Amino acid sequence: MANVGYIRVSSVGQKTDRQLDGVFLDKIFEDKITGASLKRPALMACLEYIREGDTLHIHSMDRLARNLADLQTIVEDLTGRDIVVKFHKEGLEFTGQDSPMSKLLMQMMGAVAEFERSMIRERQAEGIKQALKKGVKFGRQPKLTPAQRREICALVDAGWEKKAVAERFGISRPTLYKILGQKKNLGVAEAQLDLKGLAV
Protein backbone atom coordinates (compact mmCIF):
# COMPACT_ATOMS: atom_id res chain seq x y z
CA MET A 1 0.00 0.00 0.00
CA ALA A 2 1.58 3.25 -1.18
CA ASN A 3 0.97 6.88 -0.35
CA VAL A 4 0.77 8.72 -3.65
CA GLY A 5 0.63 12.50 -3.98
CA TYR A 6 -0.81 14.59 -6.79
CA ILE A 7 0.22 18.24 -6.97
CA ARG A 8 -0.89 20.87 -9.47
CA VAL A 9 -0.24 24.53 -10.09
CA SER A 10 -1.58 26.55 -13.01
CA SER A 11 1.75 27.70 -14.49
CA VAL A 12 5.44 26.84 -14.59
CA GLY A 13 6.36 29.90 -12.50
CA GLN A 14 4.23 28.91 -9.51
CA LYS A 15 5.72 27.01 -6.59
CA THR A 16 4.44 23.65 -5.39
CA ASP A 17 6.37 23.32 -2.12
CA ARG A 18 3.39 24.35 0.05
CA GLN A 19 1.19 21.55 -1.23
CA LEU A 20 1.30 18.35 0.88
CA ASP A 21 4.16 19.77 2.94
CA GLY A 22 4.97 17.34 5.76
CA VAL A 23 3.00 14.45 4.26
CA PHE A 24 5.04 11.27 3.76
CA LEU A 25 4.68 10.15 0.14
CA ASP A 26 6.12 7.17 -1.68
CA LYS A 27 5.47 8.71 -5.11
CA ILE A 28 4.61 12.23 -6.29
CA PHE A 29 3.04 13.34 -9.57
CA GLU A 30 3.21 17.03 -10.40
CA ASP A 31 1.45 19.06 -13.10
CA LYS A 32 2.17 22.67 -13.96
CA ILE A 33 -0.85 23.28 -16.13
CA THR A 34 -4.41 24.54 -15.89
CA GLY A 35 -6.93 22.22 -14.30
CA ALA A 36 -9.58 22.94 -16.93
CA SER A 37 -8.90 19.63 -18.65
CA LEU A 38 -8.53 16.14 -17.22
CA LYS A 39 -5.95 15.34 -19.90
CA ARG A 40 -2.99 16.44 -17.78
CA PRO A 41 0.23 14.41 -18.23
CA ALA A 42 0.99 13.86 -14.54
CA LEU A 43 -2.64 13.24 -13.61
CA MET A 44 -3.05 10.60 -16.29
CA ALA A 45 0.22 8.96 -15.22
CA CYS A 46 -0.92 9.08 -11.59
CA LEU A 47 -4.28 7.45 -12.32
CA GLU A 48 -2.53 4.71 -14.28
CA TYR A 49 0.13 4.14 -11.61
CA ILE A 50 -2.02 4.02 -8.47
CA ARG A 51 -3.21 0.61 -7.32
CA GLU A 52 -5.79 -1.01 -5.05
CA GLY A 53 -5.08 -0.29 -1.39
CA ASP A 54 -3.12 2.90 -2.15
CA THR A 55 -4.02 6.34 -0.85
CA LEU A 56 -4.03 9.39 -3.12
CA HIS A 57 -3.14 12.57 -1.24
CA ILE A 58 -4.18 15.93 -2.71
CA HIS A 59 -3.83 19.39 -1.16
CA SER A 60 -7.35 20.53 -2.06
CA MET A 61 -10.26 19.68 -4.33
CA ASP A 62 -9.49 22.43 -6.84
CA ARG A 63 -6.02 20.96 -7.40
CA LEU A 64 -7.63 17.76 -8.68
CA ALA A 65 -10.50 19.19 -10.75
CA ARG A 66 -11.93 22.58 -11.68
CA ASN A 67 -15.59 21.56 -11.78
CA LEU A 68 -17.86 19.34 -9.75
CA ALA A 69 -18.55 16.83 -12.54
CA ASP A 70 -14.85 16.06 -13.09
CA LEU A 71 -14.23 15.91 -9.34
CA GLN A 72 -16.96 13.35 -8.79
CA THR A 73 -15.87 11.29 -11.81
CA ILE A 74 -12.28 10.95 -10.58
CA VAL A 75 -13.16 10.27 -6.94
CA GLU A 76 -15.79 7.66 -7.83
CA ASP A 77 -13.42 5.94 -10.25
CA LEU A 78 -10.64 5.76 -7.66
CA THR A 79 -12.78 4.66 -4.73
CA GLY A 80 -14.40 2.08 -7.02
CA ARG A 81 -10.91 0.61 -7.42
CA ASP A 82 -10.49 0.48 -3.59
CA ILE A 83 -8.21 3.50 -3.57
CA VAL A 84 -8.56 6.06 -0.77
CA VAL A 85 -8.72 9.72 -1.81
CA LYS A 86 -7.70 12.27 0.81
CA PHE A 87 -8.10 16.06 0.48
CA HIS A 88 -5.95 17.69 3.15
CA LYS A 89 -7.20 21.29 3.04
CA GLU A 90 -10.85 20.26 3.37
CA GLY A 91 -10.03 17.44 5.80
CA LEU A 92 -12.04 14.92 3.76
CA GLU A 93 -11.27 11.29 3.01
CA PHE A 94 -13.18 9.06 0.63
CA THR A 95 -12.94 5.28 0.68
CA GLY A 96 -15.91 4.06 -1.33
CA GLN A 97 -17.73 3.20 1.89
CA ASP A 98 -18.67 6.81 2.52
CA SER A 99 -21.88 7.97 4.13
CA PRO A 100 -24.43 9.96 2.12
CA MET A 101 -23.51 12.97 4.29
CA SER A 102 -19.82 12.86 3.30
CA LYS A 103 -20.76 12.58 -0.37
CA LEU A 104 -23.10 15.53 -0.01
CA LEU A 105 -20.35 17.52 1.67
CA MET A 106 -17.99 16.85 -1.24
CA GLN A 107 -20.67 17.94 -3.71
CA MET A 108 -21.41 21.13 -1.77
CA MET A 109 -17.76 22.11 -1.36
CA GLY A 110 -16.98 21.30 -4.98
CA ALA A 111 -19.98 23.33 -6.15
CA VAL A 112 -19.00 26.30 -3.97
CA ALA A 113 -15.43 26.24 -5.32
CA GLU A 114 -16.73 26.08 -8.90
CA PHE A 115 -19.08 29.01 -8.20
CA GLU A 116 -16.24 31.08 -6.72
CA ARG A 117 -14.07 30.49 -9.80
CA SER A 118 -16.95 31.58 -12.04
CA MET A 119 -17.41 34.77 -10.02
CA ILE A 120 -13.68 35.52 -10.20
CA ARG A 121 -13.70 35.11 -13.99
CA GLU A 122 -16.77 37.36 -14.22
CA ARG A 123 -15.11 40.07 -12.11
CA GLN A 124 -11.92 39.82 -14.17
CA ALA A 125 -13.88 40.18 -17.42
CA GLU A 126 -15.74 43.20 -16.05
CA GLY A 127 -12.49 44.75 -14.83
CA ILE A 128 -10.89 44.33 -18.25
CA LYS A 129 -13.94 45.82 -19.92
CA GLN A 130 -13.84 48.90 -17.67
CA ALA A 131 -10.07 49.26 -18.14
CA LEU A 132 -10.44 49.17 -21.93
CA LYS A 133 -13.05 51.93 -21.72
CA LYS A 134 -10.49 54.04 -19.84
CA GLY A 135 -7.90 53.47 -22.54
CA VAL A 136 -5.75 50.90 -20.73
CA LYS A 137 -3.87 48.73 -23.21
CA PHE A 138 -3.17 45.07 -22.54
CA GLY A 139 -0.57 42.79 -24.02
CA ARG A 140 3.06 43.37 -24.87
CA GLN A 141 4.15 46.96 -25.37
CA PRO A 142 5.49 47.83 -28.84
CA LYS A 143 9.26 47.62 -29.15
CA LEU A 144 10.72 51.09 -29.63
CA THR A 145 13.90 51.91 -31.47
CA PRO A 146 16.60 54.04 -29.80
CA ALA A 147 15.60 56.89 -32.14
CA GLN A 148 11.97 56.67 -30.99
CA ARG A 149 13.05 56.67 -27.36
CA ARG A 150 15.13 59.80 -27.95
CA GLU A 151 12.18 61.40 -29.72
CA ILE A 152 9.94 60.64 -26.74
CA CYS A 153 12.34 62.39 -24.36
CA ALA A 154 12.72 65.31 -26.73
CA LEU A 155 8.96 65.76 -27.07
CA VAL A 156 8.50 65.82 -23.30
CA ASP A 157 11.34 68.33 -22.99
CA ALA A 158 9.66 70.43 -25.66
CA GLY A 159 6.53 70.70 -23.51
CA TRP A 160 4.31 67.94 -24.83
CA GLU A 161 1.92 66.40 -22.32
CA LYS A 162 3.10 62.99 -21.22
CA LYS A 163 -0.32 61.48 -21.94
CA ALA A 164 -0.19 62.73 -25.54
CA VAL A 165 3.33 61.35 -26.02
CA ALA A 166 2.32 57.96 -24.61
CA GLU A 167 -0.71 57.80 -26.92
CA ARG A 168 1.37 58.84 -29.94
CA PHE A 169 3.76 55.92 -29.47
CA GLY A 170 1.15 53.45 -28.19
CA ILE A 171 2.82 52.92 -24.83
CA SER A 172 1.63 53.01 -21.22
CA ARG A 173 2.46 55.80 -18.77
CA PRO A 174 4.75 53.52 -16.70
CA THR A 175 6.71 52.67 -19.87
CA LEU A 176 6.98 56.36 -20.71
CA TYR A 177 8.37 57.19 -17.27
CA LYS A 178 10.80 54.30 -17.55
CA ILE A 179 12.12 55.73 -20.83
CA LEU A 180 12.41 59.20 -19.32
CA GLY A 181 14.37 57.69 -16.45
CA GLN A 182 16.86 56.32 -18.99
CA LYS A 183 17.20 59.71 -20.66
CA LYS A 184 20.93 60.14 -19.99
CA ASN A 185 21.73 56.77 -21.53
CA LEU A 186 19.79 57.66 -24.69
CA GLY A 187 21.99 60.67 -25.52
CA VAL A 188 19.01 62.99 -25.84
CA ALA A 189 21.07 66.11 -25.26
CA GLU A 190 23.11 65.34 -28.38
CA ALA A 191 20.14 64.28 -30.50
CA GLN A 192 19.28 66.60 -33.39
CA LEU A 193 15.52 66.06 -33.72
CA ASP A 194 13.28 68.08 -35.99
CA LEU A 195 10.13 68.67 -33.96
CA LYS A 196 8.71 71.50 -36.06
CA GLY A 197 6.53 69.23 -38.18
CA LEU A 198 5.00 67.41 -35.23
CA ALA A 199 1.54 68.54 -34.17
CA VAL A 200 0.66 68.46 -30.50
C-alpha atoms as a PDB file:
ATOM      1  CA  MET A   1       0.000   0.000   0.000  1.00  0.00           C
ATOM      2  CA  ALA A   2       1.581   3.254  -1.176  1.00  0.00           C
ATOM      3  CA  ASN A   3       0.970   6.877  -0.351  1.00  0.00           C
ATOM      4  CA  VAL A   4       0.769   8.723  -3.653  1.00  0.00           C
ATOM      5  CA  GLY A   5       0.634  12.496  -3.979  1.00  0.00           C
ATOM      6  CA  TYR A   6      -0.807  14.588  -6.792  1.00  0.00           C
ATOM      7  CA  ILE A   7       0.218  18.237  -6.967  1.00  0.00           C
ATOM      8  CA  ARG A   8      -0.894  20.865  -9.471  1.00  0.00           C
ATOM      9  CA  VAL A   9      -0.236  24.529 -10.090  1.00  0.00           C
ATOM     10  CA  SER A  10      -1.585  26.549 -13.010  1.00  0.00           C
ATOM     11  CA  SER A  11       1.745  27.701 -14.488  1.00  0.00           C
ATOM     12  CA  VAL A  12       5.440  26.845 -14.586  1.00  0.00           C
ATOM     13  CA  GLY A  13       6.358  29.902 -12.502  1.00  0.00           C
ATOM     14  CA  GLN A  14       4.228  28.914  -9.507  1.00  0.00           C
ATOM     15  CA  LYS A  15       5.718  27.006  -6.587  1.00  0.00           C
ATOM     16  CA  THR A  16       4.435  23.650  -5.386  1.00  0.00           C
ATOM     17  CA  ASP A  17       6.365  23.322  -2.119  1.00  0.00           C
ATOM     18  CA  ARG A  18       3.394  24.353   0.055  1.00  0.00           C
ATOM     19  CA  GLN A  19       1.193  21.553  -1.230  1.00  0.00           C
ATOM     20  CA  LEU A  20       1.302  18.354   0.880  1.00  0.00           C
ATOM     21  CA  ASP A  21       4.155  19.766   2.940  1.00  0.00           C
ATOM     22  CA  GLY A  22       4.967  17.342   5.755  1.00  0.00           C
ATOM     23  CA  VAL A  23       3.001  14.446   4.257  1.00  0.00           C
ATOM     24  CA  PHE A  24       5.039  11.265   3.757  1.00  0.00           C
ATOM     25  CA  LEU A  25       4.680  10.149   0.145  1.00  0.00           C
ATOM     26  CA  ASP A  26       6.124   7.167  -1.683  1.00  0.00           C
ATOM     27  CA  LYS A  27       5.471   8.714  -5.108  1.00  0.00           C
ATOM     28  CA  ILE A  28       4.610  12.234  -6.286  1.00  0.00           C
ATOM     29  CA  PHE A  29       3.039  13.343  -9.567  1.00  0.00           C
ATOM     30  CA  GLU A  30       3.208  17.028 -10.401  1.00  0.00           C
ATOM     31  CA  ASP A  31       1.448  19.060 -13.099  1.00  0.00           C
ATOM     32  CA  LYS A  32       2.168  22.674 -13.960  1.00  0.00           C
ATOM     33  CA  ILE A  33      -0.853  23.281 -16.130  1.00  0.00           C
ATOM     34  CA  THR A  34      -4.406  24.537 -15.889  1.00  0.00           C
ATOM     35  CA  GLY A  35      -6.927  22.217 -14.303  1.00  0.00           C
ATOM     36  CA  ALA A  36      -9.584  22.944 -16.932  1.00  0.00           C
ATOM     37  CA  SER A  37      -8.902  19.626 -18.655  1.00  0.00           C
ATOM     38  CA  LEU A  38      -8.533  16.143 -17.222  1.00  0.00           C
ATOM     39  CA  LYS A  39      -5.951  15.343 -19.897  1.00  0.00           C
ATOM     40  CA  ARG A  40      -2.989  16.440 -17.783  1.00  0.00           C
ATOM     41  CA  PRO A  41       0.228  14.412 -18.234  1.00  0.00           C
ATOM     42  CA  ALA A  42       0.995  13.864 -14.542  1.00  0.00           C
ATOM     43  CA  LEU A  43      -2.645  13.237 -13.612  1.00  0.00           C
ATOM     44  CA  MET A  44      -3.053  10.596 -16.290  1.00  0.00           C
ATOM     45  CA  ALA A  45       0.219   8.963 -15.221  1.00  0.00           C
ATOM     46  CA  CYS A  46      -0.922   9.080 -11.588  1.00  0.00           C
ATOM     47  CA  LEU A  47      -4.279   7.448 -12.325  1.00  0.00           C
ATOM     48  CA  GLU A  48      -2.529   4.712 -14.280  1.00  0.00           C
ATOM     49  CA  TYR A  49       0.132   4.139 -11.609  1.00  0.00           C
ATOM     50  CA  ILE A  50      -2.015   4.015  -8.470  1.00  0.00           C
ATOM     51  CA  ARG A  51      -3.215   0.608  -7.317  1.00  0.00           C
ATOM     52  CA  GLU A  52      -5.791  -1.013  -5.051  1.00  0.00           C
ATOM     53  CA  GLY A  53      -5.079  -0.286  -1.391  1.00  0.00           C
ATOM     54  CA  ASP A  54      -3.116   2.900  -2.149  1.00  0.00           C
ATOM     55  CA  THR A  55      -4.019   6.344  -0.851  1.00  0.00           C
ATOM     56  CA  LEU A  56      -4.032   9.385  -3.121  1.00  0.00           C
ATOM     57  CA  HIS A  57      -3.140  12.572  -1.243  1.00  0.00           C
ATOM     58  CA  ILE A  58      -4.182  15.928  -2.711  1.00  0.00           C
ATOM     59  CA  HIS A  59      -3.828  19.387  -1.164  1.00  0.00           C
ATOM     60  CA  SER A  60      -7.346  20.531  -2.058  1.00  0.00           C
ATOM     61  CA  MET A  61     -10.263  19.681  -4.332  1.00  0.00           C
ATOM     62  CA  ASP A  62      -9.495  22.431  -6.840  1.00  0.00           C
ATOM     63  CA  ARG A  63      -6.024  20.957  -7.401  1.00  0.00           C
ATOM     64  CA  LEU A  64      -7.626  17.756  -8.684  1.00  0.00           C
ATOM     65  CA  ALA A  65     -10.499  19.194 -10.749  1.00  0.00           C
ATOM     66  CA  ARG A  66     -11.925  22.578 -11.683  1.00  0.00           C
ATOM     67  CA  ASN A  67     -15.587  21.559 -11.777  1.00  0.00           C
ATOM     68  CA  LEU A  68     -17.858  19.342  -9.749  1.00  0.00           C
ATOM     69  CA  ALA A  69     -18.554  16.830 -12.538  1.00  0.00           C
ATOM     70  CA  ASP A  70     -14.853  16.061 -13.089  1.00  0.00           C
ATOM     71  CA  LEU A  71     -14.231  15.914  -9.340  1.00  0.00           C
ATOM     72  CA  GLN A  72     -16.959  13.351  -8.791  1.00  0.00           C
ATOM     73  CA  THR A  73     -15.865  11.288 -11.808  1.00  0.00           C
ATOM     74  CA  ILE A  74     -12.284  10.949 -10.583  1.00  0.00           C
ATOM     75  CA  VAL A  75     -13.158  10.272  -6.943  1.00  0.00           C
ATOM     76  CA  GLU A  76     -15.792   7.664  -7.827  1.00  0.00           C
ATOM     77  CA  ASP A  77     -13.420   5.937 -10.252  1.00  0.00           C
ATOM     78  CA  LEU A  78     -10.639   5.758  -7.662  1.00  0.00           C
ATOM     79  CA  THR A  79     -12.778   4.662  -4.726  1.00  0.00           C
ATOM     80  CA  GLY A  80     -14.400   2.079  -7.020  1.00  0.00           C
ATOM     81  CA  ARG A  81     -10.912   0.612  -7.416  1.00  0.00           C
ATOM     82  CA  ASP A  82     -10.494   0.481  -3.594  1.00  0.00           C
ATOM     83  CA  ILE A  83      -8.211   3.503  -3.571  1.00  0.00           C
ATOM     84  CA  VAL A  84      -8.563   6.057  -0.774  1.00  0.00           C
ATOM     85  CA  VAL A  85      -8.718   9.724  -1.807  1.00  0.00           C
ATOM     86  CA  LYS A  86      -7.698  12.267   0.812  1.00  0.00           C
ATOM     87  CA  PHE A  87      -8.100  16.061   0.480  1.00  0.00           C
ATOM     88  CA  HIS A  88      -5.950  17.693   3.152  1.00  0.00           C
ATOM     89  CA  LYS A  89      -7.199  21.288   3.045  1.00  0.00           C
ATOM     90  CA  GLU A  90     -10.845  20.260   3.366  1.00  0.00           C
ATOM     91  CA  GLY A  91     -10.031  17.445   5.800  1.00  0.00           C
ATOM     92  CA  LEU A  92     -12.040  14.925   3.757  1.00  0.00           C
ATOM     93  CA  GLU A  93     -11.268  11.287   3.015  1.00  0.00           C
ATOM     94  CA  PHE A  94     -13.184   9.059   0.628  1.00  0.00           C
ATOM     95  CA  THR A  95     -12.943   5.284   0.677  1.00  0.00           C
ATOM     96  CA  GLY A  96     -15.907   4.057  -1.332  1.00  0.00           C
ATOM     97  CA  GLN A  97     -17.733   3.198   1.887  1.00  0.00           C
ATOM     98  CA  ASP A  98     -18.674   6.809   2.523  1.00  0.00           C
ATOM     99  CA  SER A  99     -21.882   7.967   4.132  1.00  0.00           C
ATOM    100  CA  PRO A 100     -24.428   9.963   2.118  1.00  0.00           C
ATOM    101  CA  MET A 101     -23.511  12.966   4.286  1.00  0.00           C
ATOM    102  CA  SER A 102     -19.819  12.858   3.303  1.00  0.00           C
ATOM    103  CA  LYS A 103     -20.758  12.582  -0.375  1.00  0.00           C
ATOM    104  CA  LEU A 104     -23.104  15.531  -0.008  1.00  0.00           C
ATOM    105  CA  LEU A 105     -20.345  17.525   1.670  1.00  0.00           C
ATOM    106  CA  MET A 106     -17.992  16.853  -1.237  1.00  0.00           C
ATOM    107  CA  GLN A 107     -20.666  17.938  -3.710  1.00  0.00           C
ATOM    108  CA  MET A 108     -21.408  21.125  -1.771  1.00  0.00           C
ATOM    109  CA  MET A 109     -17.756  22.114  -1.358  1.00  0.00           C
ATOM    110  CA  GLY A 110     -16.985  21.299  -4.981  1.00  0.00           C
ATOM    111  CA  ALA A 111     -19.977  23.327  -6.150  1.00  0.00           C
ATOM    112  CA  VAL A 112     -18.996  26.303  -3.974  1.00  0.00           C
ATOM    113  CA  ALA A 113     -15.428  26.236  -5.317  1.00  0.00           C
ATOM    114  CA  GLU A 114     -16.727  26.076  -8.897  1.00  0.00           C
ATOM    115  CA  PHE A 115     -19.079  29.008  -8.205  1.00  0.00           C
ATOM    116  CA  GLU A 116     -16.241  31.078  -6.716  1.00  0.00           C
ATOM    117  CA  ARG A 117     -14.072  30.494  -9.796  1.00  0.00           C
ATOM    118  CA  SER A 118     -16.953  31.578 -12.035  1.00  0.00           C
ATOM    119  CA  MET A 119     -17.406  34.768 -10.020  1.00  0.00           C
ATOM    120  CA  ILE A 120     -13.682  35.524 -10.196  1.00  0.00           C
ATOM    121  CA  ARG A 121     -13.704  35.114 -13.992  1.00  0.00           C
ATOM    122  CA  GLU A 122     -16.769  37.361 -14.221  1.00  0.00           C
ATOM    123  CA  ARG A 123     -15.111  40.069 -12.114  1.00  0.00           C
ATOM    124  CA  GLN A 124     -11.923  39.816 -14.168  1.00  0.00           C
ATOM    125  CA  ALA A 125     -13.876  40.182 -17.420  1.00  0.00           C
ATOM    126  CA  GLU A 126     -15.743  43.200 -16.049  1.00  0.00           C
ATOM    127  CA  GLY A 127     -12.490  44.753 -14.830  1.00  0.00           C
ATOM    128  CA  ILE A 128     -10.885  44.331 -18.245  1.00  0.00           C
ATOM    129  CA  LYS A 129     -13.942  45.816 -19.922  1.00  0.00           C
ATOM    130  CA  GLN A 130     -13.836  48.900 -17.672  1.00  0.00           C
ATOM    131  CA  ALA A 131     -10.073  49.260 -18.140  1.00  0.00           C
ATOM    132  CA  LEU A 132     -10.443  49.165 -21.933  1.00  0.00           C
ATOM    133  CA  LYS A 133     -13.050  51.934 -21.717  1.00  0.00           C
ATOM    134  CA  LYS A 134     -10.495  54.038 -19.837  1.00  0.00           C
ATOM    135  CA  GLY A 135      -7.896  53.469 -22.535  1.00  0.00           C
ATOM    136  CA  VAL A 136      -5.751  50.902 -20.735  1.00  0.00           C
ATOM    137  CA  LYS A 137      -3.867  48.733 -23.213  1.00  0.00           C
ATOM    138  CA  PHE A 138      -3.173  45.071 -22.540  1.00  0.00           C
ATOM    139  CA  GLY A 139      -0.573  42.793 -24.015  1.00  0.00           C
ATOM    140  CA  ARG A 140       3.058  43.374 -24.869  1.00  0.00           C
ATOM    141  CA  GLN A 141       4.152  46.957 -25.367  1.00  0.00           C
ATOM    142  CA  PRO A 142       5.494  47.828 -28.844  1.00  0.00           C
ATOM    143  CA  LYS A 143       9.257  47.618 -29.150  1.00  0.00           C
ATOM    144  CA  LEU A 144      10.722  51.092 -29.627  1.00  0.00           C
ATOM    145  CA  THR A 145      13.903  51.907 -31.475  1.00  0.00           C
ATOM    146  CA  PRO A 146      16.603  54.035 -29.805  1.00  0.00           C
ATOM    147  CA  ALA A 147      15.603  56.892 -32.139  1.00  0.00           C
ATOM    148  CA  GLN A 148      11.975  56.667 -30.989  1.00  0.00           C
ATOM    149  CA  ARG A 149      13.055  56.668 -27.365  1.00  0.00           C
ATOM    150  CA  ARG A 150      15.131  59.798 -27.947  1.00  0.00           C
ATOM    151  CA  GLU A 151      12.182  61.396 -29.715  1.00  0.00           C
ATOM    152  CA  ILE A 152       9.936  60.641 -26.739  1.00  0.00           C
ATOM    153  CA  CYS A 153      12.338  62.388 -24.361  1.00  0.00           C
ATOM    154  CA  ALA A 154      12.719  65.315 -26.732  1.00  0.00           C
ATOM    155  CA  LEU A 155       8.955  65.760 -27.074  1.00  0.00           C
ATOM    156  CA  VAL A 156       8.499  65.823 -23.301  1.00  0.00           C
ATOM    157  CA  ASP A 157      11.343  68.327 -22.990  1.00  0.00           C
ATOM    158  CA  ALA A 158       9.657  70.433 -25.664  1.00  0.00           C
ATOM    159  CA  GLY A 159       6.531  70.700 -23.515  1.00  0.00           C
ATOM    160  CA  TRP A 160       4.312  67.937 -24.829  1.00  0.00           C
ATOM    161  CA  GLU A 161       1.922  66.398 -22.318  1.00  0.00           C
ATOM    162  CA  LYS A 162       3.105  62.990 -21.217  1.00  0.00           C
ATOM    163  CA  LYS A 163      -0.316  61.481 -21.941  1.00  0.00           C
ATOM    164  CA  ALA A 164      -0.186  62.735 -25.544  1.00  0.00           C
ATOM    165  CA  VAL A 165       3.331  61.352 -26.016  1.00  0.00           C
ATOM    166  CA  ALA A 166       2.324  57.956 -24.608  1.00  0.00           C
ATOM    167  CA  GLU A 167      -0.705  57.801 -26.925  1.00  0.00           C
ATOM    168  CA  ARG A 168       1.373  58.844 -29.938  1.00  0.00           C
ATOM    169  CA  PHE A 169       3.757  55.916 -29.470  1.00  0.00           C
ATOM    170  CA  GLY A 170       1.151  53.448 -28.192  1.00  0.00           C
ATOM    171  CA  ILE A 171       2.825  52.919 -24.827  1.00  0.00           C
ATOM    172  CA  SER A 172       1.633  53.009 -21.224  1.00  0.00           C
ATOM    173  CA  ARG A 173       2.463  55.798 -18.771  1.00  0.00           C
ATOM    174  CA  PRO A 174       4.755  53.519 -16.703  1.00  0.00           C
ATOM    175  CA  THR A 175       6.706  52.670 -19.867  1.00  0.00           C
ATOM    176  CA  LEU A 176       6.976  56.363 -20.709  1.00  0.00           C
ATOM    177  CA  TYR A 177       8.373  57.188 -17.266  1.00  0.00           C
ATOM    178  CA  LYS A 178      10.803  54.301 -17.554  1.00  0.00           C
ATOM    179  CA  ILE A 179      12.123  55.725 -20.835  1.00  0.00           C
ATOM    180  CA  LEU A 180      12.413  59.205 -19.320  1.00  0.00           C
ATOM    181  CA  GLY A 181      14.367  57.688 -16.446  1.00  0.00           C
ATOM    182  CA  GLN A 182      16.861  56.324 -18.986  1.00  0.00           C
ATOM    183  CA  LYS A 183      17.203  59.711 -20.663  1.00  0.00           C
ATOM    184  CA  LYS A 184      20.928  60.144 -19.986  1.00  0.00           C
ATOM    185  CA  ASN A 185      21.727  56.768 -21.528  1.00  0.00           C
ATOM    186  CA  LEU A 186      19.794  57.662 -24.687  1.00  0.00           C
ATOM    187  CA  GLY A 187      21.985  60.671 -25.518  1.00  0.00           C
ATOM    188  CA  VAL A 188      19.007  62.986 -25.836  1.00  0.00           C
ATOM    189  CA  ALA A 189      21.073  66.107 -25.264  1.00  0.00           C
ATOM    190  CA  GLU A 190      23.112  65.345 -28.378  1.00  0.00           C
ATOM    191  CA  ALA A 191      20.140  64.281 -30.499  1.00  0.00           C
ATOM    192  CA  GLN A 192      19.281  66.602 -33.385  1.00  0.00           C
ATOM    193  CA  LEU A 193      15.523  66.058 -33.716  1.00  0.00           C
ATOM    194  CA  ASP A 194      13.282  68.076 -35.995  1.00  0.00           C
ATOM    195  CA  LEU A 195      10.128  68.671 -33.961  1.00  0.00           C
ATOM    196  CA  LYS A 196       8.707  71.500 -36.059  1.00  0.00           C
ATOM    197  CA  GLY A 197       6.534  69.230 -38.182  1.00  0.00           C
ATOM    198  CA  LEU A 198       5.001  67.409 -35.227  1.00  0.00           C
ATOM    199  CA  ALA A 199       1.544  68.535 -34.169  1.00  0.00           C
ATOM    200  CA  VAL A 200       0.658  68.459 -30.501  1.00  0.00           C
END
